[in-house]
Each structure stands twice: as structure tokens, then as C-alpha cells.
Amino acid sequence: MYPDVSRPGGHWGAAGLCALLLLLSLLTACGELPRPFQPAAKAVDLKQLNHEASIVVEPPEGAPASAAFGMELSKALQMRGLRATTNANGGANRLSGTAELVPLDDGLEVVFLQLSLADGDGQEIARVEEQAALPQGGWTSGDSEAFTQLTERTAESLAEQLGLGDTQNADTTRGHVIVMPVVGPDGEVDETLTGALKAQLRRRSIALAGVPGPRDVTVEGAVSLDPLEPGWQQVALVWRVVGAADGEELGTVDQGNRIPEGTLDDGWGASSSLVAAGAAAGISQILQELEVDYFK
């Protein structure tokens, strides 16, 4: 699934771009990104390792939660552009730690959570300490609504430490990119893919903002899913780079692939960052051709 990049007055084929989009049919079969489609290894800061390998969310020791906690935390991390999974063999980075439950007298219990994110060599990348009051039994029973606040705070803390926190408001001294919510096949916002694209653009040192200024551009993403022959679907993603001030289309990035039917029934999951990496490569090329500097 190679990205095609086009601008008004010209077109660049996929041959000139780095193919980073995960082949979803292979993902279904083996769960891993084919190595030839990954960029060559480079020396990077430890805080950037989360973009190169999945984060495996391990059950906290001491007061083990149900599997629902790990799943909810993984989803919260994915929405912030991190490749997170509960699959024990899903990556080199490990998020592990302890949980302590303290019952209260009013039908509540407090969970104290201490988590550490470490790379494949065991070196700590980030550390999180959070606590929350839950209904008694909510932690062990897997009541996801009970610990939603805890998973959100934990994910946000990790994202901030890894340089993936909320974008800042734009200023008028340079160009910025505003990532609009990605629209999924059902017409609803795909928050996971939106967060993943922001993360991948940051990796390329592209300046992001939340409020458009006169020099800024917006990126609008849309996903479509159409039936093919029995058992197969065609997924297509279109990313439009548009001038924020005048609405002029400055370029588009197209991605598409034939995938087994039902592959995306549960969303993009951990593959969202790989899909976004292909899109970011094309968007970066478009920005480089513009007169305004959008890079930090």
C-alpha cells in the first residue's frame, strides 16, 4: 500500500517515497511489519523509541487488574499516536509496574499505580505514578468505566514525557500544520488515526498547532472501505493539504490496499502509526515544496 502524492500542476509516483504503510493482509497473518518497509535504523533519543517498536502493556503486579485495564490503556495510548498492545510478543518496549488497592469506608477503593516504560535493554524511558478512587471491585472486575479516568491520565502522562502531548496554539511567525479529525468509513471521527498522524508528523519535526494562523495549512484525512470479491475489501485513505486561510488545495496523498474482509472491524489498532507514517512521508514532501517553512 504505497502512498501517492500529488500537487496541483504535478504528480509524483510511489517510487520516490518511502513505503511505510503496513500491509494489512500481512498484519492479519503475522502481526508484524515487514522489515523491508521500515526505515533504516538510526541513532535516536530514547524517548523516540516508542515510534519504532510497539509498547507492550503488562498486567500490574500486586493487585492484578482484569484484562480490560490493559486493553483500555492500550487504546488510550494508541489515540495519542503510540503503538500499544497487550500481546506479550508485540514489541520490545515494556510498560510494567505495580498496583496497590486500599479499601475505603464509603464503598470506594483507591488504586495506586506505578508504571515504568523500558526499552529492550531494560533502560527506563518514562515513569508514571497515578492514583484514582474507584467503586469497590471496579479494578478487578474489569469495569472499564470505573478506571477510564485513570487510563486517560496515565496515557496522557506517558505521551507528554515522550514529546507527544497536546499541540500548542499557533503563532504568526512561521507556518504550522493543523491536523483535522480523520473521518472514518462510517463518518465518525477516527481518534486513533488522528493521533497517530500527529505523532508521525512530529517525528519529522513538522510544527503543529491547534488554532490556524495566516501561514498555516490543515490536513484533512478520510478513510473509505468498499467491497470487492467475496472475502475482500478495498481500503483507501485520502489526505488533503489545504491552505488554512483561503481553503486552496495544495496537495493530496492517496493510500490504498486490498485487505481481507473484516480486518478493520475493530479499527486500526497498533497499525495506526504505520499507516500514518506512510501518510506523513507524503505530506512532508508536499510541505517541502511550499514557500513557507513548516519544519522546526
Protein backbone atom coordinates (compact mmCIF):
# COMPACT_ATOMS: atom_id res chain seq x y z
CA MET A 1 0.00 0.00 0.00
CA TYR A 2 2.20 2.78 -1.31
CA PRO A 3 1.29 6.44 -0.85
CA ASP A 4 0.86 8.55 -3.99
CA VAL A 5 1.49 12.26 -3.68
CA SER A 6 0.02 14.87 -5.97
CA ARG A 7 0.00 18.65 -6.13
CA PRO A 8 -1.78 21.00 -8.49
CA GLY A 9 0.26 21.01 -11.69
CA GLY A 10 2.30 17.92 -10.94
CA HIS A 11 2.32 14.35 -9.70
CA TRP A 12 4.87 12.16 -8.01
CA GLY A 13 4.51 8.37 -8.05
CA ALA A 14 5.11 5.97 -5.21
CA ALA A 15 8.61 5.04 -6.39
CA GLY A 16 10.07 8.20 -4.87
CA LEU A 17 8.53 7.70 -1.45
CA CYS A 18 9.46 5.51 1.49
CA ALA A 19 6.75 2.84 1.77
CA LEU A 20 5.88 2.76 5.44
CA LEU A 21 2.26 1.68 5.38
CA LEU A 22 1.65 -1.74 6.87
CA LEU A 23 0.18 -4.29 4.50
CA LEU A 24 -2.91 -5.12 6.46
CA SER A 25 -3.28 -8.57 4.97
CA LEU A 26 0.17 -9.44 6.31
CA LEU A 27 -0.72 -7.88 9.63
CA THR A 28 -3.65 -10.27 9.89
CA ALA A 29 -1.40 -13.21 9.19
CA CYS A 30 1.68 -12.49 11.29
CA GLY A 31 1.13 -9.33 13.31
CA GLU A 32 4.44 -7.72 12.34
CA LEU A 33 5.55 -5.02 9.90
CA PRO A 34 7.60 -6.49 7.02
CA ARG A 35 11.13 -5.29 7.73
CA PRO A 36 11.86 -4.03 4.18
CA PHE A 37 9.14 -1.41 4.67
CA GLN A 38 10.75 0.10 7.75
CA PRO A 39 13.28 2.94 7.66
CA ALA A 40 16.91 2.10 8.29
CA ALA A 41 17.90 2.08 11.96
CA LYS A 42 19.40 5.34 13.19
CA ALA A 43 20.70 6.62 16.50
CA VAL A 44 17.69 8.17 18.21
CA ASP A 45 16.88 9.56 21.59
CA LEU A 46 15.40 7.00 23.97
CA LYS A 47 12.19 8.98 24.08
CA GLN A 48 11.68 8.31 20.36
CA LEU A 49 11.93 4.53 20.62
CA ASN A 50 8.21 4.27 21.16
CA HIS A 51 7.70 5.09 17.50
CA GLU A 52 9.94 2.28 16.27
CA ALA A 53 8.52 -0.66 18.26
CA SER A 54 5.27 -1.40 19.99
CA ILE A 55 4.73 -0.82 23.69
CA VAL A 56 3.62 -3.99 25.42
CA VAL A 57 1.27 -3.19 28.31
CA GLU A 58 1.86 -5.81 31.01
CA PRO A 59 -0.55 -6.53 33.92
CA PRO A 60 0.47 -4.59 37.06
CA GLU A 61 1.83 -6.70 39.89
CA GLY A 62 0.49 -6.64 43.42
CA ALA A 63 -3.16 -6.12 42.62
CA PRO A 64 -3.65 -7.54 39.12
CA ALA A 65 -6.43 -5.94 37.13
CA SER A 66 -8.58 -7.76 34.65
CA ALA A 67 -7.51 -7.83 31.01
CA ALA A 68 -9.86 -4.91 30.40
CA PHE A 69 -7.49 -2.46 32.08
CA GLY A 70 -4.63 -3.32 29.74
CA MET A 71 -6.91 -3.12 26.72
CA GLU A 72 -8.29 0.28 27.74
CA LEU A 73 -4.81 1.65 28.45
CA SER A 74 -3.60 0.36 25.07
CA LYS A 75 -6.45 2.14 23.32
CA ALA A 76 -5.72 5.38 25.19
CA LEU A 77 -2.06 5.16 24.16
CA GLN A 78 -2.98 4.43 20.53
CA MET A 79 -5.18 7.53 20.47
CA ARG A 80 -2.07 9.53 21.34
CA GLY A 81 -0.08 8.09 18.48
CA LEU A 82 1.70 5.27 20.31
CA ARG A 83 1.82 1.66 19.09
CA ALA A 84 0.49 -0.13 22.16
CA THR A 85 -0.63 -3.73 22.57
CA THR A 86 -1.33 -6.32 25.26
CA ASN A 87 0.26 -9.04 23.12
CA ALA A 88 3.27 -10.28 25.11
CA ASN A 89 5.24 -10.73 21.88
CA GLY A 90 4.08 -7.46 20.34
CA GLY A 91 7.20 -5.34 20.79
CA ALA A 92 10.43 -4.56 22.60
CA ASN A 93 9.27 -1.71 24.87
CA ARG A 94 7.58 -2.82 28.07
CA LEU A 95 5.17 -0.90 30.27
CA SER A 96 5.05 -2.68 33.62
CA GLY A 97 4.76 -1.89 37.30
CA THR A 98 2.65 -2.33 40.40
CA ALA A 99 -0.84 -1.55 41.60
CA GLU A 100 -1.98 -1.28 45.21
CA LEU A 101 -5.62 -1.29 46.31
CA VAL A 102 -6.69 0.43 49.53
CA PRO A 103 -10.39 -0.03 50.51
CA LEU A 104 -12.27 2.93 51.92
CA ASP A 105 -15.32 3.02 54.19
CA ASP A 106 -17.76 4.54 51.69
CA GLY A 107 -17.93 1.78 49.09
CA LEU A 108 -14.84 3.00 47.28
CA GLU A 109 -11.27 1.84 46.90
CA VAL A 110 -8.16 3.74 45.90
CA VAL A 111 -5.77 2.25 43.37
CA PHE A 112 -2.17 3.45 43.44
CA LEU A 113 -0.48 2.80 40.12
CA GLN A 114 3.27 2.91 39.47
CA LEU A 115 4.37 2.10 35.93
CA SER A 116 7.72 2.19 34.15
CA LEU A 117 8.30 2.17 30.39
CA ALA A 118 11.57 0.43 29.49
CA ASP A 119 13.26 -0.40 26.21
CA GLY A 120 14.50 -3.80 25.08
CA ASP A 121 17.68 -3.41 27.16
CA GLY A 122 15.69 -2.64 30.30
CA GLN A 123 16.61 1.05 30.31
CA GLU A 124 13.80 3.24 31.61
CA ILE A 125 12.28 5.68 29.14
CA ALA A 126 9.43 7.09 31.22
CA ARG A 127 7.75 6.63 34.60
CA VAL A 128 4.16 7.25 35.67
CA GLU A 129 2.59 7.40 39.13
CA GLU A 130 -1.19 7.84 39.25
CA GLN A 131 -3.99 7.18 41.69
CA ALA A 132 -7.77 7.17 41.49
CA ALA A 133 -10.79 6.32 43.63
CA LEU A 134 -12.97 3.57 42.11
CA PRO A 135 -16.10 1.72 43.21
CA GLN A 136 -15.06 -1.28 45.26
CA GLY A 137 -14.43 -4.22 42.94
CA GLY A 138 -14.21 -1.99 39.88
CA TRP A 139 -10.49 -2.60 39.41
CA THR A 140 -10.52 -6.40 39.48
CA SER A 141 -13.91 -6.86 37.81
CA GLY A 142 -12.85 -5.03 34.67
CA ASP A 143 -15.37 -2.17 34.86
CA SER A 144 -13.74 -0.03 32.17
CA GLU A 145 -15.89 2.99 33.00
CA ALA A 146 -14.59 2.87 36.55
CA PHE A 147 -10.97 3.32 35.55
CA THR A 148 -11.38 5.41 32.39
CA GLN A 149 -10.05 8.49 34.18
CA LEU A 150 -7.05 6.52 35.39
CA THR A 151 -6.19 5.16 31.94
CA GLU A 152 -6.60 8.59 30.34
CA ARG A 153 -4.32 10.28 32.89
CA THR A 154 -1.74 7.52 32.58
CA ALA A 155 -1.72 7.68 28.79
CA GLU A 156 -1.52 11.47 28.78
CA SER A 157 1.41 11.45 31.20
CA LEU A 158 3.33 8.98 29.04
CA ALA A 159 2.56 10.94 25.87
CA GLU A 160 3.83 14.17 27.41
CA GLN A 161 7.07 12.53 28.55
CA LEU A 162 7.57 11.14 25.06
CA GLY A 163 7.00 14.50 23.42
CA LEU A 164 3.52 13.69 22.17
CA GLY A 165 1.42 15.93 24.38
CA ASP A 166 -1.34 18.27 23.25
CA THR A 167 -0.39 20.65 20.43
CA GLN A 168 0.15 24.31 21.21
CA ASN A 169 -1.68 27.25 19.69
CA ALA A 170 -0.24 28.63 16.50
CA ASP A 171 1.61 31.94 16.17
CA THR A 172 2.09 34.21 13.15
CA THR A 173 5.87 33.97 12.82
CA ARG A 174 6.04 30.71 10.85
CA GLY A 175 3.97 28.02 9.21
CA HIS A 176 2.19 25.34 11.20
CA VAL A 177 0.14 22.26 10.36
CA ILE A 178 -3.29 21.70 11.89
CA VAL A 179 -4.40 18.07 11.74
CA MET A 180 -8.16 17.90 11.39
CA PRO A 181 -10.05 14.90 12.83
CA VAL A 182 -9.77 11.95 10.46
CA VAL A 183 -13.15 10.78 9.17
CA GLY A 184 -13.61 7.00 9.17
CA PRO A 185 -15.64 4.86 6.75
CA ASP A 186 -18.70 5.20 8.98
CA GLY A 187 -18.48 9.01 9.02
CA GLU A 188 -17.30 9.13 12.63
CA VAL A 189 -14.01 10.61 13.82
CA ASP A 190 -11.13 8.13 13.95
CA GLU A 191 -9.29 9.44 17.00
CA THR A 192 -6.63 6.72 16.90
CA LEU A 193 -5.58 7.52 13.34
CA THR A 194 -5.76 11.27 14.04
CA GLY A 195 -3.40 10.93 17.00
CA ALA A 196 -1.08 8.65 15.06
CA LEU A 197 -0.72 11.16 12.21
CA LYS A 198 0.14 13.95 14.66
CA ALA A 199 2.81 11.74 16.20
CA GLN A 200 4.35 10.86 12.85
CA LEU A 201 4.40 14.50 11.71
CA ARG A 202 6.15 15.44 14.95
CA ARG A 203 8.74 12.76 14.20
CA ARG A 204 9.54 14.66 11.02
CA SER A 205 9.96 17.92 13.01
CA ILE A 206 6.85 19.43 11.44
CA ALA A 207 5.46 22.26 13.56
CA LEU A 208 1.90 21.51 14.67
CA ALA A 209 -0.72 23.81 16.12
CA GLY A 210 -4.31 23.65 17.30
CA VAL A 211 -5.55 27.05 16.07
CA PRO A 212 -4.82 28.10 12.46
CA GLY A 213 -2.81 31.20 11.66
CA PRO A 214 -2.32 33.06 8.34
CA ARG A 215 0.65 30.96 7.20
CA ASP A 216 -0.78 27.61 8.28
CA VAL A 217 -2.19 24.61 6.45
CA THR A 218 -4.67 21.98 7.51
CA VAL A 219 -4.51 18.26 6.83
CA GLU A 220 -7.87 16.58 6.23
CA GLY A 221 -7.97 12.79 6.24
CA ALA A 222 -10.77 10.46 5.13
CA VAL A 223 -10.98 6.66 5.04
CA SER A 224 -13.25 4.65 2.75
CA LEU A 225 -13.90 0.93 2.73
CA ASP A 226 -15.53 -0.73 -0.27
CA PRO A 227 -16.43 -4.37 -1.00
CA LEU A 228 -14.53 -6.34 -3.63
CA GLU A 229 -14.95 -10.02 -4.48
CA PRO A 230 -16.24 -12.23 -1.62
CA GLY A 231 -13.91 -12.14 1.37
CA TRP A 232 -12.04 -8.97 0.35
CA GLN A 233 -12.36 -5.21 0.74
CA GLN A 234 -10.60 -2.17 -0.67
CA VAL A 235 -9.44 0.37 1.90
CA ALA A 236 -8.48 3.84 0.68
CA LEU A 237 -7.15 6.85 2.56
CA VAL A 238 -7.04 10.36 1.13
CA TRP A 239 -5.10 13.14 2.88
CA ARG A 240 -5.68 16.70 1.63
CA VAL A 241 -3.27 19.52 2.46
CA VAL A 242 -5.26 22.76 2.36
CA GLY A 243 -4.38 26.40 2.96
CA ALA A 244 -5.97 27.41 6.25
CA ALA A 245 -6.59 30.99 5.18
CA ASP A 246 -8.06 30.51 1.70
CA GLY A 247 -9.06 26.83 1.55
CA GLU A 248 -6.86 26.22 -1.51
CA GLU A 249 -5.89 22.59 -2.01
CA LEU A 250 -2.09 22.37 -2.02
CA GLY A 251 -1.66 18.63 -2.48
CA THR A 252 -3.03 15.21 -1.70
CA VAL A 253 -1.66 11.89 -0.50
CA ASP A 254 -3.50 8.73 -1.52
CA GLN A 255 -3.11 5.30 0.07
CA GLY A 256 -4.96 2.13 -0.83
CA ASN A 257 -4.82 -1.60 -0.37
CA ARG A 258 -6.81 -4.80 -0.84
CA ILE A 259 -7.42 -6.38 2.57
CA PRO A 260 -9.30 -9.42 3.94
CA GLU A 261 -12.90 -8.59 4.81
CA GLY A 262 -13.32 -7.62 8.46
CA THR A 263 -9.67 -6.62 9.02
CA LEU A 264 -10.72 -3.14 10.19
CA ASP A 265 -13.82 -4.15 12.13
CA ASP A 266 -12.05 -3.26 15.38
CA GLY A 267 -10.21 -0.24 14.00
CA TRP A 268 -6.59 0.25 13.03
CA GLY A 269 -5.21 -0.60 16.44
CA ALA A 270 -1.43 -0.66 16.78
CA SER A 271 -1.02 -0.47 13.00
CA SER A 272 -2.33 3.12 13.00
CA SER A 273 1.16 4.57 13.47
CA LEU A 274 2.42 2.61 10.47
CA VAL A 275 -0.45 3.80 8.31
CA ALA A 276 0.20 7.35 9.50
CA ALA A 277 3.92 7.01 8.75
CA GLY A 278 3.17 6.49 5.07
CA ALA A 279 0.83 9.48 5.06
CA ALA A 280 3.35 11.67 6.89
CA ALA A 281 6.02 10.84 4.29
CA GLY A 282 3.80 12.18 1.53
CA ILE A 283 2.59 15.20 3.50
CA SER A 284 6.19 16.10 4.33
CA GLN A 285 7.07 16.04 0.63
CA ILE A 286 4.21 18.42 -0.15
CA LEU A 287 5.26 20.82 2.62
CA GLN A 288 8.85 20.86 1.38
CA GLU A 289 7.63 22.16 -1.98
CA LEU A 290 5.80 25.14 -0.43
CA GLU A 291 7.32 28.57 0.11
CA VAL A 292 6.63 28.66 3.87
CA ASP A 293 8.84 26.70 6.27
CA TYR A 294 6.75 24.21 8.28
CA PHE A 295 9.68 22.41 9.89
CA LYS A 296 11.15 23.08 13.30
